[in-house]
Amino acid sequence: MARIISENPELLLKLSVTSLILSLATAKLYIYQMDIINELRQDAESLENLKQAYSI
């Protein structure tokens, strides 16, 4: 690997950029998932409140 990178320094740059992009994509997916989980939790709370409000 070191020999290949020493022969082609642009490859190290491409690998670094690819790693950065994958890290950013992972972070975006994690944030998106957390938003969905929070929304589902709020929906469940609202449903429970409605059930309690209409229970006699």
N, C-alpha and C. Protein backbone atom coordinates (compact mmCIF):
# COMPACT_ATOMS: atom_id res chain seq x y z
N MET A 1 0.83 -1.18 0.00
CA MET A 1 0.00 0.00 0.00
C MET A 1 0.87 1.25 0.00
N ALA A 2 1.90 1.24 0.84
CA ALA A 2 2.79 2.41 0.91
C ALA A 2 3.51 2.62 -0.42
N ARG A 3 3.88 1.53 -1.08
CA ARG A 3 4.55 1.65 -2.37
C ARG A 3 3.62 2.26 -3.40
N ILE A 4 2.38 1.83 -3.42
CA ILE A 4 1.40 2.34 -4.39
C ILE A 4 1.16 3.83 -4.16
N ILE A 5 1.02 4.22 -2.89
CA ILE A 5 0.77 5.63 -2.59
C ILE A 5 1.98 6.48 -2.90
N SER A 6 3.18 5.95 -2.64
CA SER A 6 4.38 6.73 -2.94
C SER A 6 4.55 6.93 -4.45
N GLU A 7 4.07 5.97 -5.23
CA GLU A 7 4.15 6.10 -6.69
C GLU A 7 3.06 7.03 -7.23
N ASN A 8 1.94 7.12 -6.52
CA ASN A 8 0.82 7.93 -6.98
C ASN A 8 0.26 8.73 -5.80
N PRO A 9 0.86 9.91 -5.50
CA PRO A 9 0.41 10.67 -4.33
C PRO A 9 -1.04 11.17 -4.44
N GLU A 10 -1.56 11.29 -5.65
CA GLU A 10 -2.95 11.70 -5.80
C GLU A 10 -3.90 10.66 -5.23
N LEU A 11 -3.47 9.43 -5.22
CA LEU A 11 -4.30 8.35 -4.69
C LEU A 11 -4.57 8.56 -3.20
N LEU A 12 -3.55 9.01 -2.46
CA LEU A 12 -3.75 9.28 -1.03
C LEU A 12 -4.79 10.37 -0.83
N LEU A 13 -4.74 11.40 -1.66
CA LEU A 13 -5.74 12.47 -1.58
C LEU A 13 -7.14 11.93 -1.88
N LYS A 14 -7.26 11.11 -2.91
CA LYS A 14 -8.56 10.54 -3.26
C LYS A 14 -9.09 9.65 -2.14
N LEU A 15 -8.21 8.85 -1.53
CA LEU A 15 -8.63 7.99 -0.43
C LEU A 15 -9.07 8.81 0.78
N SER A 16 -8.36 9.89 1.05
CA SER A 16 -8.71 10.76 2.18
C SER A 16 -10.05 11.43 1.95
N VAL A 17 -10.28 11.92 0.73
CA VAL A 17 -11.55 12.57 0.41
C VAL A 17 -12.69 11.56 0.49
N THR A 18 -12.47 10.37 0.00
CA THR A 18 -13.50 9.33 0.06
C THR A 18 -13.84 8.99 1.51
N SER A 19 -12.84 8.89 2.34
CA SER A 19 -13.06 8.61 3.76
C SER A 19 -13.86 9.73 4.41
N LEU A 20 -13.53 10.96 4.10
CA LEU A 20 -14.26 12.10 4.65
C LEU A 20 -15.72 12.09 4.20
N ILE A 21 -15.95 11.83 2.93
CA ILE A 21 -17.32 11.79 2.40
C ILE A 21 -18.13 10.68 3.07
N LEU A 22 -17.52 9.52 3.26
CA LEU A 22 -18.23 8.42 3.92
C LEU A 22 -18.55 8.78 5.38
N SER A 23 -17.64 9.45 6.05
CA SER A 23 -17.90 9.87 7.43
C SER A 23 -19.05 10.87 7.49
N LEU A 24 -19.08 11.82 6.57
CA LEU A 24 -20.16 12.80 6.53
C LEU A 24 -21.50 12.14 6.22
N ALA A 25 -21.49 11.19 5.30
CA ALA A 25 -22.73 10.49 4.95
C ALA A 25 -23.25 9.70 6.15
N THR A 26 -22.35 9.07 6.88
CA THR A 26 -22.74 8.32 8.07
C THR A 26 -23.34 9.24 9.12
N ALA A 27 -22.73 10.39 9.32
CA ALA A 27 -23.26 11.35 10.29
C ALA A 27 -24.64 11.85 9.87
N LYS A 28 -24.83 12.11 8.58
CA LYS A 28 -26.13 12.57 8.10
C LYS A 28 -27.20 11.50 8.32
N LEU A 29 -26.87 10.25 8.04
CA LEU A 29 -27.83 9.16 8.24
C LEU A 29 -28.18 9.00 9.72
N TYR A 30 -27.20 9.15 10.59
CA TYR A 30 -27.44 9.04 12.02
C TYR A 30 -28.39 10.14 12.48
N ILE A 31 -28.13 11.37 12.06
CA ILE A 31 -29.00 12.50 12.44
C ILE A 31 -30.41 12.29 11.90
N TYR A 32 -30.53 11.82 10.66
CA TYR A 32 -31.84 11.57 10.06
C TYR A 32 -32.58 10.51 10.87
N GLN A 33 -31.87 9.45 11.26
CA GLN A 33 -32.49 8.38 12.03
C GLN A 33 -32.96 8.91 13.38
N MET A 34 -32.15 9.73 14.03
CA MET A 34 -32.53 10.28 15.32
C MET A 34 -33.76 11.17 15.19
N ASP A 35 -33.86 11.93 14.10
CA ASP A 35 -35.04 12.77 13.87
C ASP A 35 -36.29 11.91 13.73
N ILE A 36 -36.18 10.82 13.01
CA ILE A 36 -37.33 9.92 12.83
C ILE A 36 -37.73 9.30 14.16
N ILE A 37 -36.75 8.88 14.96
CA ILE A 37 -37.06 8.28 16.25
C ILE A 37 -37.75 9.29 17.16
N ASN A 38 -37.26 10.52 17.18
CA ASN A 38 -37.90 11.55 18.00
C ASN A 38 -39.33 11.83 17.53
N GLU A 39 -39.53 11.85 16.23
CA GLU A 39 -40.88 12.09 15.70
C GLU A 39 -41.82 10.95 16.07
N LEU A 40 -41.34 9.72 15.97
CA LEU A 40 -42.17 8.57 16.36
C LEU A 40 -42.49 8.60 17.84
N ARG A 41 -41.54 9.01 18.66
CA ARG A 41 -41.77 9.11 20.10
C ARG A 41 -42.84 10.17 20.39
N GLN A 42 -42.77 11.29 19.71
CA GLN A 42 -43.78 12.34 19.89
C GLN A 42 -45.16 11.87 19.43
N ASP A 43 -45.19 11.15 18.31
CA ASP A 43 -46.46 10.61 17.83
C ASP A 43 -47.06 9.64 18.84
N ALA A 44 -46.23 8.81 19.44
CA ALA A 44 -46.72 7.85 20.43
C ALA A 44 -47.26 8.58 21.66
N GLU A 45 -46.56 9.63 22.09
CA GLU A 45 -47.04 10.41 23.23
C GLU A 45 -48.37 11.09 22.91
N SER A 46 -48.49 11.63 21.71
CA SER A 46 -49.74 12.29 21.31
C SER A 46 -50.88 11.29 21.27
N LEU A 47 -50.62 10.11 20.75
CA LEU A 47 -51.64 9.07 20.70
C LEU A 47 -52.07 8.68 22.11
N GLU A 48 -51.11 8.53 23.01
CA GLU A 48 -51.43 8.18 24.39
C GLU A 48 -52.26 9.29 25.05
N ASN A 49 -51.90 10.53 24.78
CA ASN A 49 -52.68 11.65 25.33
C ASN A 49 -54.11 11.65 24.80
N LEU A 50 -54.27 11.36 23.51
CA LEU A 50 -55.61 11.29 22.94
C LEU A 50 -56.42 10.14 23.56
N LYS A 51 -55.78 9.01 23.76
CA LYS A 51 -56.46 7.88 24.38
C LYS A 51 -56.95 8.25 25.78
N GLN A 52 -56.08 8.90 26.53
CA GLN A 52 -56.45 9.29 27.89
C GLN A 52 -57.53 10.37 27.89
N ALA A 53 -57.47 11.26 26.92
CA ALA A 53 -58.46 12.35 26.87
C ALA A 53 -59.86 11.83 26.55
N TYR A 54 -59.94 10.81 25.73
CA TYR A 54 -61.25 10.31 25.32
C TYR A 54 -61.70 9.10 26.14
N SER A 55 -60.92 8.67 27.10
CA SER A 55 -61.33 7.60 28.00
C SER A 55 -62.22 8.17 29.08
N ILE A 56 -63.29 7.47 29.35
CA ILE A 56 -64.21 7.96 30.39
C ILE A 56 -64.22 7.00 31.55
